[in-house]
Amino acid sequence: MDRQHHDRETTTAIEPLDIVWSTPTVQAFRDLFATTGWELPDEARMRAALAGSFAVACAYVGAQLVAIVRVISDGAMYAWINDVIVRPEYRRRGIGSALMQEVLRFLAMRGIGAVGLFCAQGQEGFYARLGFRPRPATAPGMFLGPDLSPVGTRQELPSHGLAP
């Protein structure tokens, strides 16, 4: 397990932070995911998501998982950053930025230059500071998948006769 120790200067004291390139337990991931307000997938889907990840960077304070960034990739040309999550009481302390910088360095070292992500509403500035920019309306790309609206406002998508 590759561990890096980081001390953060913050307005509120924070214990030393460990960044770990290792998959957390499904329960630790579920507990962190539950803090987002996003619809919580079942345990089997979360296990499969972790297993299918190209890379997983986690931040721990002591034994507690406080942040995660998951990467999906073909390992050569393209990567997609998923589940950038920081536990609410640890937000605005540089943890998300530290994890994202580690992930972007990791991808660059492997020659993966095309990196995409979904940006939660209101987080555009965070990603812009890391170099991300919105795709122009004329850029290629479309999406078919679950409605990503906040829980409770979602519209059902056509199933096209496919089972989930």
N, C-alpha and C. Protein backbone atom coordinates (compact mmCIF):
# COMPACT_ATOMS: atom_id res chain seq x y z
N MET A 1 0.86 -1.17 0.00
CA MET A 1 0.00 0.00 0.00
C MET A 1 0.90 1.23 0.00
N ASP A 2 0.65 2.15 -0.91
CA ASP A 2 1.44 3.35 -1.04
C ASP A 2 0.80 4.44 -0.19
N ARG A 3 1.47 4.85 0.88
CA ARG A 3 0.94 5.87 1.78
C ARG A 3 1.79 7.12 1.69
N GLN A 4 1.13 8.26 1.67
CA GLN A 4 1.82 9.53 1.73
C GLN A 4 1.20 10.30 2.87
N HIS A 5 2.05 10.92 3.67
CA HIS A 5 1.59 11.67 4.82
C HIS A 5 1.56 13.15 4.47
N HIS A 6 0.45 13.82 4.76
CA HIS A 6 0.32 15.24 4.47
C HIS A 6 -0.17 15.96 5.72
N ASP A 7 0.49 17.05 6.07
CA ASP A 7 -0.02 17.94 7.10
C ASP A 7 -0.69 19.10 6.39
N ARG A 8 -1.85 19.49 6.83
CA ARG A 8 -2.62 20.56 6.19
C ARG A 8 -2.67 21.76 7.13
N GLU A 9 -2.45 22.93 6.57
CA GLU A 9 -2.68 24.15 7.32
C GLU A 9 -4.13 24.52 7.09
N THR A 10 -4.88 24.60 8.16
CA THR A 10 -6.30 24.91 8.04
C THR A 10 -6.69 25.86 9.15
N THR A 11 -7.89 26.41 9.01
CA THR A 11 -8.39 27.27 10.06
C THR A 11 -8.82 26.43 11.26
N THR A 12 -9.15 25.18 11.03
CA THR A 12 -9.48 24.24 12.10
C THR A 12 -8.44 23.14 12.07
N ALA A 13 -7.88 22.80 13.21
CA ALA A 13 -6.83 21.78 13.25
C ALA A 13 -7.37 20.47 12.68
N ILE A 14 -6.51 19.79 11.92
CA ILE A 14 -6.85 18.48 11.37
C ILE A 14 -5.70 17.54 11.70
N GLU A 15 -6.03 16.34 12.05
CA GLU A 15 -5.00 15.34 12.31
C GLU A 15 -4.23 15.08 11.03
N PRO A 16 -3.05 14.47 11.12
CA PRO A 16 -2.31 14.15 9.89
C PRO A 16 -3.17 13.32 8.94
N LEU A 17 -3.01 13.62 7.66
CA LEU A 17 -3.80 13.01 6.60
C LEU A 17 -2.92 12.02 5.85
N ASP A 18 -3.43 10.81 5.64
CA ASP A 18 -2.74 9.80 4.85
C ASP A 18 -3.47 9.61 3.54
N ILE A 19 -2.75 9.73 2.41
CA ILE A 19 -3.31 9.44 1.10
C ILE A 19 -2.84 8.05 0.72
N VAL A 20 -3.80 7.20 0.39
CA VAL A 20 -3.52 5.78 0.15
C VAL A 20 -4.06 5.38 -1.21
N TRP A 21 -3.24 4.70 -2.01
CA TRP A 21 -3.67 4.14 -3.28
C TRP A 21 -4.10 2.70 -3.02
N SER A 22 -5.31 2.54 -2.55
CA SER A 22 -5.82 1.22 -2.20
C SER A 22 -7.34 1.29 -2.13
N THR A 23 -8.00 0.22 -2.47
CA THR A 23 -9.45 0.16 -2.43
C THR A 23 -9.92 0.03 -0.99
N PRO A 24 -10.85 0.89 -0.56
CA PRO A 24 -11.36 0.77 0.81
C PRO A 24 -12.33 -0.40 0.90
N THR A 25 -12.75 -0.71 2.10
CA THR A 25 -13.78 -1.72 2.26
C THR A 25 -15.08 -1.19 1.67
N VAL A 26 -15.95 -2.09 1.29
CA VAL A 26 -17.25 -1.69 0.74
C VAL A 26 -18.00 -0.88 1.79
N GLN A 27 -17.94 -1.29 3.05
CA GLN A 27 -18.67 -0.57 4.10
C GLN A 27 -18.13 0.84 4.28
N ALA A 28 -16.82 1.01 4.26
CA ALA A 28 -16.24 2.36 4.40
C ALA A 28 -16.68 3.24 3.22
N PHE A 29 -16.68 2.67 2.01
CA PHE A 29 -17.12 3.40 0.82
C PHE A 29 -18.59 3.77 0.93
N ARG A 30 -19.43 2.82 1.36
CA ARG A 30 -20.87 3.10 1.52
C ARG A 30 -21.10 4.20 2.56
N ASP A 31 -20.38 4.12 3.67
CA ASP A 31 -20.54 5.14 4.72
C ASP A 31 -20.19 6.53 4.19
N LEU A 32 -19.09 6.63 3.44
CA LEU A 32 -18.69 7.91 2.87
C LEU A 32 -19.68 8.35 1.80
N PHE A 33 -20.07 7.44 0.91
CA PHE A 33 -21.01 7.74 -0.17
C PHE A 33 -22.33 8.26 0.40
N ALA A 34 -22.76 7.70 1.53
CA ALA A 34 -24.03 8.09 2.15
C ALA A 34 -24.04 9.56 2.58
N THR A 35 -22.87 10.17 2.74
CA THR A 35 -22.81 11.58 3.15
C THR A 35 -23.11 12.55 2.01
N THR A 36 -23.24 12.05 0.77
CA THR A 36 -23.39 12.92 -0.39
C THR A 36 -24.81 13.37 -0.66
N GLY A 37 -25.79 12.59 -0.21
CA GLY A 37 -27.17 12.87 -0.57
C GLY A 37 -27.55 12.23 -1.90
N TRP A 38 -26.58 11.58 -2.57
CA TRP A 38 -26.86 10.86 -3.81
C TRP A 38 -27.57 9.55 -3.45
N GLU A 39 -28.28 9.01 -4.41
CA GLU A 39 -28.93 7.72 -4.20
C GLU A 39 -27.87 6.66 -3.90
N LEU A 40 -28.06 5.93 -2.82
CA LEU A 40 -27.08 4.95 -2.37
C LEU A 40 -27.28 3.62 -3.09
N PRO A 41 -26.32 3.20 -3.93
CA PRO A 41 -26.43 1.89 -4.58
C PRO A 41 -26.37 0.77 -3.55
N ASP A 42 -26.86 -0.40 -3.94
CA ASP A 42 -26.78 -1.53 -3.01
C ASP A 42 -25.32 -2.00 -2.89
N GLU A 43 -25.08 -2.82 -1.89
CA GLU A 43 -23.73 -3.25 -1.57
C GLU A 43 -23.05 -3.98 -2.74
N ALA A 44 -23.80 -4.82 -3.46
CA ALA A 44 -23.21 -5.57 -4.58
C ALA A 44 -22.73 -4.62 -5.69
N ARG A 45 -23.51 -3.59 -5.98
CA ARG A 45 -23.10 -2.62 -7.01
C ARG A 45 -21.87 -1.84 -6.55
N MET A 46 -21.83 -1.49 -5.30
CA MET A 46 -20.67 -0.73 -4.79
C MET A 46 -19.42 -1.60 -4.82
N ARG A 47 -19.57 -2.86 -4.48
CA ARG A 47 -18.43 -3.80 -4.54
C ARG A 47 -17.92 -3.90 -5.98
N ALA A 48 -18.85 -4.04 -6.93
CA ALA A 48 -18.48 -4.15 -8.34
C ALA A 48 -17.84 -2.85 -8.84
N ALA A 49 -18.35 -1.71 -8.40
CA ALA A 49 -17.78 -0.42 -8.81
C ALA A 49 -16.34 -0.30 -8.33
N LEU A 50 -16.10 -0.67 -7.08
CA LEU A 50 -14.73 -0.62 -6.55
C LEU A 50 -13.82 -1.58 -7.31
N ALA A 51 -14.31 -2.79 -7.56
CA ALA A 51 -13.51 -3.80 -8.25
C ALA A 51 -13.20 -3.39 -9.68
N GLY A 52 -14.10 -2.66 -10.32
CA GLY A 52 -13.92 -2.25 -11.70
C GLY A 52 -13.15 -0.95 -11.86
N SER A 53 -12.72 -0.36 -10.78
CA SER A 53 -11.99 0.90 -10.85
C SER A 53 -10.57 0.67 -11.35
N PHE A 54 -10.09 1.59 -12.16
CA PHE A 54 -8.70 1.57 -12.64
C PHE A 54 -7.76 1.96 -11.51
N ALA A 55 -8.17 2.96 -10.73
CA ALA A 55 -7.38 3.41 -9.58
C ALA A 55 -8.32 4.01 -8.56
N VAL A 56 -7.94 3.89 -7.29
CA VAL A 56 -8.71 4.47 -6.20
C VAL A 56 -7.74 5.17 -5.26
N ALA A 57 -7.95 6.47 -5.07
CA ALA A 57 -7.14 7.23 -4.12
C ALA A 57 -8.04 7.58 -2.94
N CYS A 58 -7.55 7.29 -1.75
CA CYS A 58 -8.33 7.54 -0.53
C CYS A 58 -7.54 8.42 0.42
N ALA A 59 -8.24 9.18 1.21
CA ALA A 59 -7.62 9.97 2.27
C ALA A 59 -8.20 9.47 3.60
N TYR A 60 -7.31 9.22 4.52
CA TYR A 60 -7.69 8.75 5.85
C TYR A 60 -7.17 9.71 6.90
N VAL A 61 -7.97 9.92 7.93
CA VAL A 61 -7.52 10.55 9.16
C VAL A 61 -7.64 9.46 10.20
N GLY A 62 -6.50 8.99 10.68
CA GLY A 62 -6.50 7.80 11.52
C GLY A 62 -7.02 6.64 10.69
N ALA A 63 -8.00 5.92 11.22
CA ALA A 63 -8.57 4.78 10.50
C ALA A 63 -9.81 5.16 9.69
N GLN A 64 -10.24 6.43 9.77
CA GLN A 64 -11.48 6.84 9.11
C GLN A 64 -11.23 7.30 7.67
N LEU A 65 -11.98 6.71 6.74
CA LEU A 65 -11.97 7.16 5.35
C LEU A 65 -12.69 8.50 5.30
N VAL A 66 -11.97 9.56 4.90
CA VAL A 66 -12.57 10.89 4.87
C VAL A 66 -12.77 11.41 3.45
N ALA A 67 -12.12 10.77 2.46
CA ALA A 67 -12.29 11.21 1.08
C ALA A 67 -11.87 10.10 0.13
N ILE A 68 -12.43 10.16 -1.08
CA ILE A 68 -12.11 9.17 -2.11
C ILE A 68 -12.23 9.81 -3.48
N VAL A 69 -11.40 9.34 -4.41
CA VAL A 69 -11.53 9.64 -5.83
C VAL A 69 -11.34 8.31 -6.56
N ARG A 70 -12.35 7.93 -7.37
CA ARG A 70 -12.24 6.71 -8.17
C ARG A 70 -11.98 7.09 -9.62
N VAL A 71 -11.16 6.28 -10.31
CA VAL A 71 -10.84 6.51 -11.72
C VAL A 71 -11.25 5.28 -12.53
N ILE A 72 -11.94 5.51 -13.64
CA ILE A 72 -12.26 4.48 -14.62
C ILE A 72 -11.41 4.82 -15.84
N SER A 73 -10.76 3.83 -16.45
CA SER A 73 -9.88 4.15 -17.57
C SER A 73 -9.62 2.94 -18.46
N ASP A 74 -9.22 3.21 -19.71
CA ASP A 74 -8.73 2.16 -20.59
C ASP A 74 -7.24 1.93 -20.36
N GLY A 75 -6.64 2.75 -19.52
CA GLY A 75 -5.23 2.60 -19.16
C GLY A 75 -4.26 3.14 -20.18
N ALA A 76 -4.75 3.73 -21.26
CA ALA A 76 -3.85 4.20 -22.31
C ALA A 76 -4.16 5.63 -22.77
N MET A 77 -5.44 5.89 -23.06
CA MET A 77 -5.78 7.18 -23.65
C MET A 77 -6.77 8.00 -22.83
N TYR A 78 -7.77 7.34 -22.25
CA TYR A 78 -8.87 8.05 -21.62
C TYR A 78 -9.08 7.62 -20.17
N ALA A 79 -9.49 8.58 -19.36
CA ALA A 79 -9.85 8.29 -17.98
C ALA A 79 -11.07 9.12 -17.62
N TRP A 80 -11.84 8.57 -16.70
CA TRP A 80 -13.03 9.24 -16.21
C TRP A 80 -12.94 9.24 -14.68
N ILE A 81 -13.05 10.41 -14.09
CA ILE A 81 -12.98 10.52 -12.64
C ILE A 81 -14.40 10.44 -12.08
N ASN A 82 -14.59 9.52 -11.15
CA ASN A 82 -15.89 9.30 -10.52
C ASN A 82 -15.78 9.47 -9.01
N ASP A 83 -16.89 9.73 -8.40
CA ASP A 83 -17.00 9.69 -6.94
C ASP A 83 -15.91 10.48 -6.24
N VAL A 84 -15.83 11.77 -6.55
CA VAL A 84 -14.97 12.66 -5.77
C VAL A 84 -15.79 13.04 -4.55
N ILE A 85 -15.47 12.43 -3.42
CA ILE A 85 -16.28 12.60 -2.21
C ILE A 85 -15.36 12.94 -1.04
N VAL A 86 -15.73 13.99 -0.32
CA VAL A 86 -15.04 14.35 0.92
C VAL A 86 -16.10 14.43 2.00
N ARG A 87 -15.85 13.76 3.10
CA ARG A 87 -16.78 13.77 4.24
C ARG A 87 -17.07 15.23 4.62
N PRO A 88 -18.33 15.61 4.83
CA PRO A 88 -18.68 17.03 5.05
C PRO A 88 -17.84 17.76 6.09
N GLU A 89 -17.53 17.12 7.19
CA GLU A 89 -16.78 17.82 8.24
C GLU A 89 -15.31 18.03 7.88
N TYR A 90 -14.86 17.46 6.76
CA TYR A 90 -13.47 17.63 6.31
C TYR A 90 -13.37 18.46 5.03
N ARG A 91 -14.48 18.97 4.55
CA ARG A 91 -14.45 19.78 3.33
C ARG A 91 -13.79 21.13 3.59
N ARG A 92 -13.29 21.73 2.51
CA ARG A 92 -12.67 23.06 2.52
C ARG A 92 -11.39 23.08 3.34
N ARG A 93 -10.69 21.96 3.34
CA ARG A 93 -9.41 21.85 4.05
C ARG A 93 -8.29 21.40 3.12
N GLY A 94 -8.55 21.35 1.82
CA GLY A 94 -7.54 20.98 0.85
C GLY A 94 -7.42 19.49 0.57
N ILE A 95 -8.27 18.69 1.20
CA ILE A 95 -8.18 17.24 1.03
C ILE A 95 -8.59 16.83 -0.38
N GLY A 96 -9.72 17.36 -0.87
CA GLY A 96 -10.16 17.04 -2.22
C GLY A 96 -9.13 17.47 -3.26
N SER A 97 -8.57 18.65 -3.08
CA SER A 97 -7.54 19.13 -4.00
C SER A 97 -6.31 18.24 -3.97
N ALA A 98 -5.87 17.84 -2.78
CA ALA A 98 -4.70 16.96 -2.66
C ALA A 98 -4.94 15.63 -3.36
N LEU A 99 -6.11 15.05 -3.16
CA LEU A 99 -6.43 13.78 -3.81
C LEU A 99 -6.50 13.93 -5.33
N MET A 100 -7.16 14.99 -5.79
CA MET A 100 -7.27 15.21 -7.23
C MET A 100 -5.90 15.44 -7.86
N GLN A 101 -5.04 16.19 -7.21
CA GLN A 101 -3.69 16.43 -7.74
C GLN A 101 -2.91 15.12 -7.83
N GLU A 102 -3.05 14.26 -6.84
CA GLU A 102 -2.40 12.94 -6.88
C GLU A 102 -2.93 12.12 -8.04
N VAL A 103 -4.24 12.12 -8.24
CA VAL A 103 -4.85 11.35 -9.32
C VAL A 103 -4.39 11.89 -10.68
N LEU A 104 -4.39 13.20 -10.85
CA LEU A 104 -3.98 13.78 -12.13
C LEU A 104 -2.50 13.50 -12.41
N ARG A 105 -1.67 13.54 -11.39
CA ARG A 105 -0.25 13.19 -11.55
C ARG A 105 -0.10 11.72 -11.96
N PHE A 106 -0.84 10.85 -11.31
CA PHE A 106 -0.85 9.43 -11.61
C PHE A 106 -1.22 9.18 -13.07
N LEU A 107 -2.27 9.83 -13.55
CA LEU A 107 -2.71 9.66 -14.93
C LEU A 107 -1.69 10.23 -15.91
N ALA A 108 -1.13 11.39 -15.61
CA ALA A 108 -0.14 12.01 -16.49
C ALA A 108 1.11 11.13 -16.61
N MET A 109 1.53 10.51 -15.51
CA MET A 109 2.70 9.63 -15.54
C MET A 109 2.47 8.43 -16.45
N ARG A 110 1.22 8.08 -16.69
CA ARG A 110 0.89 6.95 -17.55
C ARG A 110 0.52 7.40 -18.96
N GLY A 111 0.67 8.69 -19.24
CA GLY A 111 0.40 9.21 -20.58
C GLY A 111 -1.07 9.35 -20.90
N ILE A 112 -1.92 9.31 -19.89
CA ILE A 112 -3.37 9.43 -20.10
C ILE A 112 -3.71 10.91 -20.00
N GLY A 113 -4.01 11.52 -21.15
CA GLY A 113 -4.21 12.96 -21.19
C GLY A 113 -5.65 13.41 -21.30
N ALA A 114 -6.54 12.55 -21.74
CA ALA A 114 -7.95 12.92 -21.87
C ALA A 114 -8.68 12.43 -20.62
N VAL A 115 -9.04 13.38 -19.76
CA VAL A 115 -9.66 13.05 -18.48
C VAL A 115 -10.99 13.79 -18.37
N GLY A 116 -12.05 13.05 -18.13
CA GLY A 116 -13.37 13.64 -17.99
C GLY A 116 -13.94 13.40 -16.61
N LEU A 117 -14.99 14.13 -16.29
CA LEU A 117 -15.70 13.93 -15.02
C LEU A 117 -17.05 14.60 -15.08
N PHE A 118 -17.93 14.18 -14.20
CA PHE A 118 -19.18 14.91 -13.96
C PHE A 118 -18.90 15.86 -12.82
N CYS A 119 -19.38 17.07 -12.95
CA CYS A 119 -19.16 18.07 -11.91
C CYS A 119 -20.48 18.33 -11.19
N ALA A 120 -20.46 18.15 -9.89
CA ALA A 120 -21.65 18.45 -9.10
C ALA A 120 -21.95 19.95 -9.19
N GLN A 121 -23.22 20.28 -9.20
CA GLN A 121 -23.62 21.68 -9.29
C GLN A 121 -22.95 22.49 -8.18
N GLY A 122 -22.37 23.61 -8.55
CA GLY A 122 -21.72 24.48 -7.58
C GLY A 122 -20.24 24.17 -7.38
N GLN A 123 -19.74 23.10 -7.97
CA GLN A 123 -18.34 22.71 -7.79
C GLN A 123 -17.46 23.06 -8.99
N GLU A 124 -18.00 23.81 -9.94
CA GLU A 124 -17.26 24.14 -11.16
C GLU A 124 -15.93 24.82 -10.85
N GLY A 125 -15.92 25.73 -9.89
CA GLY A 125 -14.70 26.47 -9.53
C GLY A 125 -13.61 25.55 -9.00
N PHE A 126 -14.00 24.56 -8.21
CA PHE A 126 -13.04 23.60 -7.67
C PHE A 126 -12.30 22.90 -8.81
N TYR A 127 -13.05 22.40 -9.79
CA TYR A 127 -12.44 21.68 -10.90
C TYR A 127 -11.70 22.62 -11.85
N ALA A 128 -12.21 23.84 -12.03
CA ALA A 128 -11.52 24.82 -12.88
C ALA A 128 -10.14 25.14 -12.31
N ARG A 129 -10.01 25.23 -10.99
CA ARG A 129 -8.70 25.49 -10.37
C ARG A 129 -7.72 24.35 -10.63
N LEU A 130 -8.23 23.17 -10.95
CA LEU A 130 -7.38 22.02 -11.27
C LEU A 130 -7.13 21.90 -12.78
N GLY A 131 -7.69 22.83 -13.56
CA GLY A 131 -7.46 22.84 -14.99
C GLY A 131 -8.60 22.31 -15.84
N PHE A 132 -9.68 21.85 -15.24
CA PHE A 132 -10.82 21.34 -16.01
C PHE A 132 -11.61 22.52 -16.57
N ARG A 133 -12.26 22.29 -17.69
CA ARG A 133 -13.12 23.31 -18.28
C ARG A 133 -14.34 22.62 -18.88
N PRO A 134 -15.45 23.33 -18.96
CA PRO A 134 -16.65 22.73 -19.56
C PRO A 134 -16.42 22.43 -21.04
N ARG A 135 -17.08 21.38 -21.51
CA ARG A 135 -17.02 21.07 -22.94
C ARG A 135 -17.90 22.09 -23.67
N PRO A 136 -17.42 22.59 -24.80
CA PRO A 136 -18.26 23.51 -25.57
C PRO A 136 -19.50 22.79 -26.09
N ALA A 137 -20.55 23.53 -26.32
CA ALA A 137 -21.80 22.94 -26.81
C ALA A 137 -21.60 22.24 -28.14
N THR A 138 -20.58 22.64 -28.90
CA THR A 138 -20.33 22.02 -30.20
C THR A 138 -19.43 20.78 -30.11
N ALA A 139 -18.95 20.45 -28.92
CA ALA A 139 -18.06 19.30 -28.74
C ALA A 139 -18.86 18.01 -28.83
N PRO A 140 -18.20 16.93 -29.26
CA PRO A 140 -18.91 15.65 -29.34
C PRO A 140 -19.21 15.11 -27.96
N GLY A 141 -20.19 14.26 -27.90
CA GLY A 141 -20.50 13.58 -26.65
C GLY A 141 -21.97 13.64 -26.31
N MET A 142 -22.47 12.53 -25.84
CA MET A 142 -23.84 12.42 -25.36
C MET A 142 -23.82 11.46 -24.19
N PHE A 143 -24.93 11.31 -23.52
CA PHE A 143 -24.98 10.46 -22.35
C PHE A 143 -26.27 9.66 -22.33
N LEU A 144 -26.17 8.38 -22.03
CA LEU A 144 -27.32 7.53 -21.81
C LEU A 144 -27.08 6.84 -20.48
N GLY A 145 -27.95 7.02 -19.55
CA GLY A 145 -27.77 6.41 -18.24
C GLY A 145 -28.80 6.95 -17.28
N PRO A 146 -28.59 6.70 -16.01
CA PRO A 146 -29.57 7.15 -15.02
C PRO A 146 -29.66 8.67 -15.01
N ASP A 147 -30.85 9.15 -14.73
CA ASP A 147 -31.05 10.59 -14.59
C ASP A 147 -30.20 11.05 -13.41
N LEU A 148 -29.40 12.06 -13.61
CA LEU A 148 -28.48 12.52 -12.57
C LEU A 148 -29.03 13.70 -11.80
N SER A 149 -30.34 13.95 -11.91
CA SER A 149 -30.96 15.02 -11.14
C SER A 149 -30.93 14.64 -9.67
N PRO A 150 -31.09 15.63 -8.77
CA PRO A 150 -31.14 15.28 -7.35
C PRO A 150 -32.23 14.27 -7.06
N VAL A 151 -31.99 13.43 -6.06
CA VAL A 151 -32.96 12.42 -5.66
C VAL A 151 -34.29 13.12 -5.36
N GLY A 152 -35.37 12.53 -5.83
CA GLY A 152 -36.69 13.09 -5.60
C GLY A 152 -37.21 13.92 -6.77
N THR A 153 -36.30 14.31 -7.70
CA THR A 153 -36.72 15.10 -8.85
C THR A 153 -36.45 14.36 -10.15
N ARG A 154 -36.08 13.09 -10.06
CA ARG A 154 -35.64 12.33 -11.22
C ARG A 154 -36.78 11.93 -12.13
N GLN A 155 -36.48 11.86 -13.40
CA GLN A 155 -37.40 11.38 -14.42
C GLN A 155 -36.96 9.98 -14.81
N GLU A 156 -37.88 9.10 -15.09
CA GLU A 156 -37.54 7.75 -15.54
C GLU A 156 -37.06 7.82 -16.99
N LEU A 157 -36.01 7.12 -17.30
CA LEU A 157 -35.51 7.03 -18.66
C LEU A 157 -36.12 5.80 -19.34
N PRO A 158 -36.27 5.83 -20.66
CA PRO A 158 -36.80 4.64 -21.34
C PRO A 158 -35.83 3.48 -21.15
N SER A 159 -36.38 2.28 -20.99
CA SER A 159 -35.53 1.11 -20.75
C SER A 159 -35.01 0.49 -22.04
N HIS A 160 -35.59 0.84 -23.18
CA HIS A 160 -35.21 0.28 -24.46
C HIS A 160 -35.31 -1.25 -24.44
N GLY A 161 -36.15 -1.78 -23.56
CA GLY A 161 -36.34 -3.23 -23.47
C GLY A 161 -35.19 -3.96 -22.82
N LEU A 162 -34.26 -3.23 -22.22
CA LEU A 162 -33.10 -3.86 -21.58
C LEU A 162 -33.32 -4.02 -20.10
N ALA A 163 -32.94 -5.15 -19.58
CA ALA A 163 -33.05 -5.37 -18.14
C ALA A 163 -31.87 -4.67 -17.45
N PRO A 164 -32.06 -4.17 -16.22
CA PRO A 164 -30.95 -3.51 -15.52
C PRO A 164 -29.82 -4.47 -15.20
